[in-house]
């Protein structure tokens, strides 16, 4: 096989490929072997017809088409391997010359990942934030536990701070009186003083009684999560259906025993501190890895095809659409909440998609350079662990599917590569020891 590469731009190449006759002879034989199982000739058992008779018996168009499919895939794949090309999409193939089974010349134009120029990643490190847990952090968890285990008793009086009220509410635009998407609720429990609603909402319900209706107008914060509501004036109509007094359990050893296998409040708090520390350490490690990869990415040069970024955008958007549907919204309503069009939404998410694609390419390049591989044993252990998370046999079977195994292996390779980078970063962070000097 002979192949010649022409670089059309940073991410597009054209390959001129000429197949060699010995390989084509072998490929022709493979096609004939596949076709002979359907050839029936007197005096021969099924599948035992000689190749020269099969060739004369089968439809010549079918034979040539099957041969071309096999030959194009074979020579194209060999060319990618020989030139170490990373394709980003299916090629556009143009057959220039074909003499059945002896001559094949074709061109393949395709988008590719450009050359990746890595920095010396073994010397790159980033600051790692310290993990700390204060007594206030522990007390906050204890307070939440007490609230969950509290007795809630209906009372026939005005609601006070720390009481739980049950409300029905609806929000309308203060100017147009149009309903606000997602601005209503029914049978919603709200603890006064919890600050779970926008500023001013709970304070407008102080002293409310069961059966009472109140109406008030609030300005949504300018940094509110839903862009369409940022700084917007909304009029709320709220009906209180029930007022409960929240009686918190006493913070003593009996409470600790009810909260878990603890003999004392001190044991409970120690366990809470351990859990918070573990969670923060885990998150701190993930943040460190993300920052480290970002630092390496900033120093890496690579031309990324638009098709890869578009594919990542589509993947993320499909997941987002599923989540929106799950929440009971239409995609159009979701875009309206964000205050963007379809095009604006993709434009907003494009930089993030490009960063994720670049990070993936960098990790793959480093894994290859470091000769990091996933063993069959490592993959099997991870598969068994994943199966253990599911009770449903159908879900366990999903894990065994070929495409899912590939995804699991890819995830494992990413984890091992990031771990290697973290090891390098840890070494780079330690200052070199000064050379010892001896007095003469």
Protein backbone atom coordinates (compact mmCIF):
# COMPACT_ATOMS: atom_id res chain seq x y z
CA UNK A 1 0.00 0.00 0.00
CA UNK A 2 1.17 3.51 -0.79
CA UNK A 3 -0.30 6.58 0.95
CA UNK A 4 0.36 10.29 0.49
CA UNK A 5 -0.96 12.93 2.93
CA UNK A 6 -1.87 16.50 1.99
CA UNK A 7 -2.60 18.97 4.82
CA UNK A 8 -5.53 21.13 3.67
CA UNK A 9 -5.73 23.12 6.93
CA UNK A 10 -5.01 22.63 10.64
CA UNK A 11 -7.76 20.04 11.04
CA UNK A 12 -8.40 18.69 7.52
CA UNK A 13 -6.23 16.33 5.48
CA UNK A 14 -6.51 14.44 2.22
CA UNK A 15 -5.07 10.94 1.86
CA UNK A 16 -4.23 9.56 -1.57
CA UNK A 17 -4.16 5.78 -1.14
CA UNK A 18 -3.07 3.07 -3.57
CA UNK A 19 -3.78 -0.53 -2.62
CA UNK A 20 -1.18 -3.23 -3.14
CA UNK A 21 -2.03 -6.28 -5.28
CA UNK A 22 -1.10 -9.01 -2.74
CA UNK A 23 -3.42 -7.51 -0.12
CA UNK A 24 -6.23 -7.15 -2.67
CA UNK A 25 -5.81 -10.79 -3.66
CA UNK A 26 -6.20 -11.79 -0.02
CA UNK A 27 -9.25 -9.52 0.40
CA UNK A 28 -10.87 -11.01 -2.69
CA UNK A 29 -10.42 -14.48 -1.19
CA UNK A 30 -12.06 -13.31 2.05
CA UNK A 31 -15.10 -12.06 0.11
CA UNK A 32 -15.37 -15.31 -1.85
CA UNK A 33 -15.17 -17.31 1.39
CA UNK A 34 -18.06 -15.26 2.75
CA UNK A 35 -20.16 -15.67 -0.38
CA UNK A 36 -19.61 -19.39 -0.95
CA UNK A 37 -21.89 -20.41 1.92
CA UNK A 38 -24.83 -19.27 -0.23
CA UNK A 39 -23.59 -20.92 -3.45
CA UNK A 40 -25.13 -24.29 -4.31
CA UNK A 41 -23.70 -26.34 -7.15
CA UNK A 42 -24.37 -29.98 -8.05
CA UNK A 43 -21.77 -32.34 -6.63
CA UNK A 44 -20.60 -29.99 -3.87
CA UNK A 45 -21.73 -29.74 -0.28
CA UNK A 46 -22.91 -26.36 1.01
CA UNK A 47 -19.91 -24.13 1.74
CA UNK A 48 -17.46 -26.47 -0.01
CA UNK A 49 -17.61 -25.00 -3.53
CA UNK A 50 -14.09 -24.08 -4.81
CA UNK A 51 -13.32 -20.34 -4.93
CA UNK A 52 -12.91 -20.26 -8.75
CA UNK A 53 -16.41 -21.75 -9.18
CA UNK A 54 -17.86 -19.39 -6.58
CA UNK A 55 -16.46 -16.43 -8.50
CA UNK A 56 -18.12 -17.58 -11.71
CA UNK A 57 -21.42 -18.33 -9.98
CA UNK A 58 -22.06 -15.19 -7.89
CA UNK A 59 -23.39 -11.87 -9.14
CA UNK A 60 -20.34 -9.87 -10.27
CA UNK A 61 -21.77 -6.54 -9.05
CA UNK A 62 -22.26 -8.00 -5.58
CA UNK A 63 -18.75 -9.45 -5.61
CA UNK A 64 -17.15 -6.15 -6.63
CA UNK A 65 -19.23 -4.06 -4.18
CA UNK A 66 -18.39 -6.36 -1.27
CA UNK A 67 -14.74 -6.33 -2.27
CA UNK A 68 -14.69 -2.52 -2.50
CA UNK A 69 -16.29 -2.13 0.95
CA UNK A 70 -13.72 -4.45 2.48
CA UNK A 71 -10.74 -2.98 0.59
CA UNK A 72 -11.62 0.67 1.29
CA UNK A 73 -12.00 -0.02 5.01
CA UNK A 74 -8.79 -2.06 5.15
CA UNK A 75 -6.54 0.37 3.29
CA UNK A 76 -8.07 3.43 4.96
CA UNK A 77 -7.56 1.88 8.40
CA UNK A 78 -3.99 0.89 7.58
CA UNK A 79 -3.27 4.44 6.35
CA UNK A 80 -4.55 5.95 9.63
CA UNK A 81 -2.34 3.57 11.60
CA UNK A 82 0.73 4.19 9.46
CA UNK A 83 0.43 7.98 9.65
CA UNK A 84 -0.81 8.01 13.28
CA UNK A 85 -3.83 10.05 12.24
CA UNK A 86 -6.68 10.74 14.70
CA UNK A 87 -9.90 11.04 12.65
CA UNK A 88 -12.68 13.23 14.02
CA UNK A 89 -15.42 12.20 11.59
CA UNK A 90 -16.19 9.83 8.71
CA UNK A 91 -14.11 10.55 5.58
CA UNK A 92 -15.35 11.68 2.19
CA UNK A 93 -14.12 8.94 -0.15
CA UNK A 94 -13.54 9.43 -3.87
CA UNK A 95 -12.52 6.36 -5.92
CA UNK A 96 -10.08 7.47 -8.62
CA UNK A 97 -9.32 4.16 -10.29
CA UNK A 98 -10.58 0.63 -9.86
CA UNK A 99 -9.59 -2.37 -11.94
CA UNK A 100 -11.42 -5.29 -10.28
CA UNK A 101 -9.22 -7.03 -7.75
CA UNK A 102 -5.86 -5.73 -9.07
CA UNK A 103 -5.88 -1.91 -8.94
CA UNK A 104 -7.48 0.46 -6.45
CA UNK A 105 -6.69 4.15 -6.09
CA UNK A 106 -8.83 6.46 -3.95
CA UNK A 107 -8.75 9.68 -1.95
CA UNK A 108 -10.12 10.19 1.54
CA UNK A 109 -10.70 13.70 2.87
CA UNK A 110 -11.30 13.89 6.59
CA UNK A 111 -11.27 16.07 9.68
CA UNK A 112 -8.52 15.15 12.12
CA UNK A 113 -7.18 16.18 15.48
CA UNK A 114 -4.13 18.37 14.92
CA UNK A 115 -0.72 17.62 16.38
CA UNK A 116 -0.75 17.81 20.18
CA UNK A 117 2.16 19.73 21.67
CA UNK A 118 2.34 18.91 25.37
CA UNK A 119 4.26 20.92 27.97
CA UNK A 120 6.52 19.18 30.49
CA UNK A 121 3.55 18.02 32.55
CA UNK A 122 5.84 16.26 35.03
CA UNK A 123 6.88 19.69 36.35
CA UNK A 124 3.43 21.30 36.53
CA UNK A 125 1.60 21.62 39.83
CA UNK A 126 -1.18 23.76 41.30
CA UNK A 127 -1.95 24.80 44.89
CA UNK A 128 -4.01 22.35 46.90
CA UNK A 129 -6.46 23.95 49.31
CA UNK A 130 -6.32 22.74 52.91
CA UNK A 131 -9.30 20.80 54.25
CA UNK A 132 -10.76 22.10 57.50
CA UNK A 133 -13.93 21.38 59.47
CA UNK A 134 -15.01 23.86 62.14
CA UNK A 135 -17.25 23.22 65.17
CA UNK A 136 -19.83 25.44 63.42
CA UNK A 137 -19.85 23.04 60.44
CA UNK A 138 -20.58 20.13 62.77
CA UNK A 139 -23.23 22.07 64.69
CA UNK A 140 -25.01 22.89 61.43
CA UNK A 141 -25.36 19.18 60.62
CA UNK A 142 -26.51 18.47 64.18
CA UNK A 143 -29.13 21.23 63.90
CA UNK A 144 -30.40 19.73 60.63
CA UNK A 145 -30.62 16.31 62.29
CA UNK A 146 -32.61 17.76 65.15
CA UNK A 147 -34.93 19.49 62.69
CA UNK A 148 -35.54 16.23 60.78
CA UNK A 149 -36.25 14.37 64.03
CA UNK A 150 -38.37 17.16 65.50
CA UNK A 151 -42.03 16.78 66.46
CA UNK A 152 -44.37 19.04 64.51
CA UNK A 153 -47.54 19.92 66.34
CA UNK A 154 -50.42 21.90 64.75
CA UNK A 155 -51.12 25.16 66.60
CA UNK A 156 -54.00 27.62 66.44
CA UNK A 157 -51.96 30.80 66.63
CA UNK A 158 -49.93 33.20 64.54
CA UNK A 159 -46.78 31.68 63.09
CA UNK A 160 -43.51 32.53 64.80
CA UNK A 161 -39.89 32.23 63.75
CA UNK A 162 -38.83 28.55 63.48
CA UNK A 163 -42.45 27.43 63.00
CA UNK A 164 -43.31 25.33 59.96
CA UNK A 165 -46.08 26.66 57.75
CA UNK A 166 -47.74 24.89 54.82
CA UNK A 167 -48.51 27.21 51.92
CA UNK A 168 -50.06 27.41 48.47
CA UNK A 169 -48.53 30.19 46.39
CA UNK A 170 -48.43 31.64 42.90
CA UNK A 171 -46.21 34.31 41.40
CA UNK A 172 -47.16 36.77 38.65
CA UNK A 173 -45.21 39.45 36.85
CA UNK A 174 -45.90 42.70 38.72
CA UNK A 175 -46.31 44.66 35.47
CA UNK A 176 -48.06 42.27 33.11
CA UNK A 177 -49.80 40.03 35.67
CA UNK A 178 -48.63 37.04 33.62
CA UNK A 179 -47.91 33.82 35.61
CA UNK A 180 -44.23 33.20 36.31
CA UNK A 181 -42.97 29.86 35.05
CA UNK A 182 -42.00 27.77 38.09
CA UNK A 183 -43.28 30.49 40.44
CA UNK A 184 -46.09 28.49 42.02
CA UNK A 185 -46.42 25.64 44.50
CA UNK A 186 -49.05 23.71 46.45
CA UNK A 187 -48.84 22.10 49.89
CA UNK A 188 -45.32 23.42 50.31
CA UNK A 189 -43.74 23.15 53.79
CA UNK A 190 -41.65 26.17 54.79
CA UNK A 191 -39.80 26.72 58.07
CA UNK A 192 -39.79 30.44 58.85
CA UNK A 193 -36.26 31.69 59.29
CA UNK A 194 -34.73 28.98 57.10
CA UNK A 195 -34.01 31.53 54.32
CA UNK A 196 -34.77 28.99 51.61
CA UNK A 197 -36.81 31.42 49.49
CA UNK A 198 -35.74 34.68 47.88
CA UNK A 199 -35.01 37.56 50.31
CA UNK A 200 -38.21 39.07 51.72
CA UNK A 201 -40.50 36.10 51.06
CA UNK A 202 -40.41 34.61 54.56
CA UNK A 203 -40.43 37.96 56.35
CA UNK A 204 -43.71 38.78 54.58
CA UNK A 205 -45.26 35.70 56.20
CA UNK A 206 -44.32 36.46 59.79
CA UNK A 207 -47.35 36.20 62.13
CA UNK A 208 -49.51 34.50 59.49
CA UNK A 209 -52.34 32.22 60.60
CA UNK A 210 -53.85 29.10 59.04
CA UNK A 211 -56.37 30.08 56.34
CA UNK A 212 -54.87 33.55 55.91
CA UNK A 213 -54.01 34.91 52.47
CA UNK A 214 -51.30 37.48 51.84
CA UNK A 215 -50.12 39.30 48.73
CA UNK A 216 -46.79 41.10 48.32
CA UNK A 217 -44.33 42.14 45.62
CA UNK A 218 -40.63 41.31 45.65
CA UNK A 219 -37.61 42.01 43.46
CA UNK A 220 -35.76 38.86 42.45
CA UNK A 221 -32.00 39.11 43.14
CA UNK A 222 -29.88 40.31 40.21
CA UNK A 223 -27.75 37.18 40.51
CA UNK A 224 -30.72 34.79 40.69
CA UNK A 225 -30.08 31.37 39.09
CA UNK A 226 -32.81 31.77 36.46
CA UNK A 227 -31.70 34.55 34.12
CA UNK A 228 -35.25 35.44 33.05
CA UNK A 229 -36.12 36.29 36.66
CA UNK A 230 -33.02 38.31 37.56
CA UNK A 231 -34.07 41.70 38.97
CA UNK A 232 -37.70 41.07 38.02
CA UNK A 233 -40.63 42.34 40.11
CA UNK A 234 -42.98 39.52 41.02
CA UNK A 235 -46.23 39.65 42.96
CA UNK A 236 -46.87 36.60 45.13
CA UNK A 237 -50.25 35.49 46.41
CA UNK A 238 -49.75 33.11 49.34
CA UNK A 239 -52.35 31.11 51.27
CA UNK A 240 -51.27 29.50 54.54
CA UNK A 241 -53.09 26.22 55.10
CA UNK A 242 -51.44 25.03 58.30
CA UNK A 243 -49.12 26.22 61.09
CA UNK A 244 -46.97 23.71 62.99
CA UNK A 245 -44.85 24.34 66.03
CA UNK A 246 -41.50 22.63 65.61
CA UNK A 247 -40.39 20.99 68.86
CA UNK A 248 -36.72 20.14 68.58
CA UNK A 249 -35.45 17.09 70.49
CA UNK A 250 -33.08 17.76 73.37
CA UNK A 251 -29.45 17.49 72.40
CA UNK A 252 -28.37 14.69 74.71
CA UNK A 253 -27.08 11.12 74.63
CA UNK A 254 -30.58 9.75 74.00
CA UNK A 255 -30.81 11.89 70.87
CA UNK A 256 -27.39 10.62 69.73
CA UNK A 257 -28.55 7.01 70.17
CA UNK A 258 -31.64 7.67 68.04
CA UNK A 259 -29.58 9.38 65.35
CA UNK A 260 -27.28 6.34 64.93
CA UNK A 261 -25.09 3.82 66.71
CA UNK A 262 -23.69 6.39 69.13
CA UNK A 263 -23.46 6.33 72.91
CA UNK A 264 -22.99 10.06 73.33
CA UNK A 265 -23.29 13.43 71.63
CA UNK A 266 -19.50 13.55 71.50
CA UNK A 267 -19.43 10.30 69.47
CA UNK A 268 -22.11 11.66 67.15
CA UNK A 269 -20.19 14.89 66.56
CA UNK A 270 -16.94 13.01 66.01
CA UNK A 271 -18.61 10.85 63.37
CA UNK A 272 -20.13 13.90 61.68
CA UNK A 273 -16.72 15.59 61.60
CA UNK A 274 -15.17 12.47 60.06
CA UNK A 275 -17.84 12.34 57.35
CA UNK A 276 -17.57 16.05 56.53
CA UNK A 277 -13.78 15.73 56.38
CA UNK A 278 -14.06 12.75 54.04
CA UNK A 279 -16.52 14.54 51.74
CA UNK A 280 -14.45 17.72 51.62
CA UNK A 281 -11.23 15.79 51.05
CA UNK A 282 -12.84 13.94 48.14
CA UNK A 283 -14.12 17.20 46.63
CA UNK A 284 -10.79 18.88 47.29
CA UNK A 285 -8.98 16.11 45.42
CA UNK A 286 -11.39 16.42 42.46
CA UNK A 287 -10.91 20.22 42.42
CA UNK A 288 -7.14 19.76 42.52
CA UNK A 289 -7.25 17.32 39.59
CA UNK A 290 -9.49 19.68 37.63
CA UNK A 291 -7.19 22.65 38.30
CA UNK A 292 -4.13 20.57 37.40
CA UNK A 293 -5.65 19.44 34.12
CA UNK A 294 -6.65 23.04 33.36
CA UNK A 295 -3.06 24.19 34.01
CA UNK A 296 -1.70 21.52 31.65
CA UNK A 297 -4.40 22.36 29.10
CA UNK A 298 -3.45 26.06 29.15
CA UNK A 299 0.10 25.13 28.14
CA UNK A 300 -0.93 22.58 25.48
CA UNK A 301 -1.33 23.40 21.80
CA UNK A 302 -3.74 21.40 19.67
CA UNK A 303 -6.05 22.18 16.75
CA UNK A 304 -9.49 20.73 17.50
CA UNK A 305 -11.96 20.00 14.68
CA UNK A 306 -15.32 21.77 14.98
CA UNK A 307 -17.10 18.43 14.54
CA UNK A 308 -15.71 17.11 17.85
CA UNK A 309 -16.89 20.21 19.69
CA UNK A 310 -20.29 20.05 18.00
CA UNK A 311 -20.64 16.38 19.01
CA UNK A 312 -19.85 17.26 22.64
CA UNK A 313 -22.32 20.16 22.57
CA UNK A 314 -25.04 17.84 21.24
CA UNK A 315 -24.28 15.18 23.88
CA UNK A 316 -24.50 17.67 26.75
CA UNK A 317 -27.61 19.31 25.32
CA UNK A 318 -29.37 15.94 25.00
CA UNK A 319 -28.69 15.26 28.68
CA UNK A 320 -29.98 18.74 29.54
CA UNK A 321 -33.14 18.18 27.51
CA UNK A 322 -33.80 14.94 29.40
CA UNK A 323 -33.40 16.75 32.74
CA UNK A 324 -35.71 19.54 31.60
CA UNK A 325 -38.37 17.02 30.56
CA UNK A 326 -37.97 15.23 33.91
CA UNK A 327 -38.70 18.55 35.67
CA UNK A 328 -41.90 18.90 33.67
CA UNK A 329 -40.71 21.77 31.47
CA UNK A 330 -40.59 22.13 27.72
CA UNK A 331 -37.29 23.01 26.06
CA UNK A 332 -38.78 26.32 24.94
CA UNK A 333 -39.76 27.17 28.54
CA UNK A 334 -36.26 26.30 29.72
CA UNK A 335 -34.68 28.59 27.10
CA UNK A 336 -37.08 31.35 28.10
CA UNK A 337 -36.03 30.97 31.75
CA UNK A 338 -32.40 31.35 30.71
CA UNK A 339 -33.27 34.23 28.43
CA UNK A 340 -31.52 32.73 25.39
CA UNK A 341 -32.34 31.32 21.96
CA UNK A 342 -31.30 27.86 20.74
CA UNK A 343 -28.30 29.42 19.01
CA UNK A 344 -27.45 31.51 22.06
CA UNK A 345 -27.66 28.46 24.29
CA UNK A 346 -25.15 26.54 22.15
CA UNK A 347 -22.88 29.58 21.90
CA UNK A 348 -22.88 29.94 25.70
CA UNK A 349 -21.98 26.26 26.20
CA UNK A 350 -19.39 26.07 23.42
CA UNK A 351 -16.31 27.19 25.44
CA UNK A 352 -17.03 24.54 28.08
CA UNK A 353 -17.46 21.86 25.40
CA UNK A 354 -14.16 22.86 23.79
CA UNK A 355 -12.37 22.62 27.15
CA UNK A 356 -13.77 19.13 27.80
CA UNK A 357 -12.79 17.89 24.35
CA UNK A 358 -9.30 19.34 24.73
CA UNK A 359 -8.91 17.75 28.16
CA UNK A 360 -9.94 14.38 26.77
CA UNK A 361 -7.42 14.61 23.94
CA UNK A 362 -4.66 15.64 26.33
CA UNK A 363 -5.37 12.74 28.67
CA UNK A 364 -5.38 10.28 25.76
CA UNK A 365 -2.05 11.65 24.51
CA UNK A 366 -0.46 11.46 27.96
CA UNK A 367 -1.80 7.94 28.52
CA UNK A 368 -0.17 6.83 25.28
CA UNK A 369 3.09 8.61 26.07
CA UNK A 370 3.20 7.14 29.58
CA UNK A 371 2.17 3.70 28.28
CA UNK A 372 -0.75 3.58 30.71
CA UNK A 373 -3.03 0.64 30.02
CA UNK A 374 -6.05 -1.07 31.57
CA UNK A 375 -5.59 -4.75 32.31
CA UNK A 376 -8.37 -7.28 31.85
CA UNK A 377 -8.32 -7.88 35.61
CA UNK A 378 -8.76 -4.17 36.41
CA UNK A 379 -11.68 -3.93 34.01
CA UNK A 380 -13.36 -7.05 35.41
CA UNK A 381 -13.03 -5.79 39.00
CA UNK A 382 -14.64 -2.46 38.07
CA UNK A 383 -17.45 -4.23 36.18
CA UNK A 384 -18.21 -6.45 39.19
CA UNK A 385 -18.25 -3.41 41.48
CA UNK A 386 -20.70 -1.65 39.17
CA UNK A 387 -22.92 -4.72 38.99
CA UNK A 388 -22.99 -4.80 42.78
CA UNK A 389 -24.69 -1.39 42.76
CA UNK A 390 -27.75 -2.80 40.97
CA UNK A 391 -30.29 -5.31 42.21
CA UNK A 392 -32.08 -5.46 38.87
CA UNK A 393 -30.75 -8.23 36.59
CA UNK A 394 -31.53 -6.15 33.49
CA UNK A 395 -29.35 -3.29 34.75
CA UNK A 396 -26.54 -5.73 35.55
CA UNK A 397 -26.79 -7.08 32.01
CA UNK A 398 -26.44 -3.53 30.66
CA UNK A 399 -22.99 -3.29 32.25
CA UNK A 400 -21.86 -6.32 30.22
CA UNK A 401 -22.70 -4.74 26.86
CA UNK A 402 -19.67 -4.15 24.65
CA UNK A 403 -20.23 -0.40 24.31
CA UNK A 404 -20.62 0.00 28.07
CA UNK A 405 -17.47 -2.01 28.72
CA UNK A 406 -15.60 0.31 26.38
CA UNK A 407 -16.95 3.31 28.30
CA UNK A 408 -15.92 1.77 31.63
CA UNK A 409 -12.43 1.01 30.29
CA UNK A 410 -12.13 4.57 29.00
CA UNK A 411 -13.15 5.93 32.40
CA UNK A 412 -10.58 3.70 34.11
CA UNK A 413 -7.85 4.88 31.75
CA UNK A 414 -8.76 8.50 32.52
CA UNK A 415 -8.61 7.83 36.26
CA UNK A 416 -5.20 6.15 36.02
CA UNK A 417 -3.82 8.96 33.85
CA UNK A 418 -5.05 11.68 36.23
CA UNK A 419 -3.57 9.71 39.14
CA UNK A 420 -0.21 9.66 37.34
CA UNK A 421 -0.39 13.41 36.78
CA UNK A 422 -1.24 13.93 40.46
CA UNK A 423 1.84 11.94 41.42
CA UNK A 424 4.02 14.13 39.23
CA UNK A 425 2.40 17.27 40.66
CA UNK A 426 3.02 16.11 44.23
CA UNK A 427 6.72 15.55 43.44
CA UNK A 428 6.99 18.92 41.66
CA UNK A 429 5.44 20.64 44.68
CA UNK A 430 8.16 19.42 47.05
CA UNK A 431 11.19 21.75 47.05
CA UNK A 432 14.43 20.14 46.07
CA UNK A 433 16.76 19.39 48.97
CA UNK A 434 19.86 21.58 48.99
CA UNK A 435 23.08 19.77 48.23
CA UNK A 436 24.98 18.92 51.39
CA UNK A 437 28.34 20.56 51.92
CA UNK A 438 31.16 19.26 54.01
CA UNK A 439 33.58 21.53 55.80
CA UNK A 440 37.13 20.92 54.89
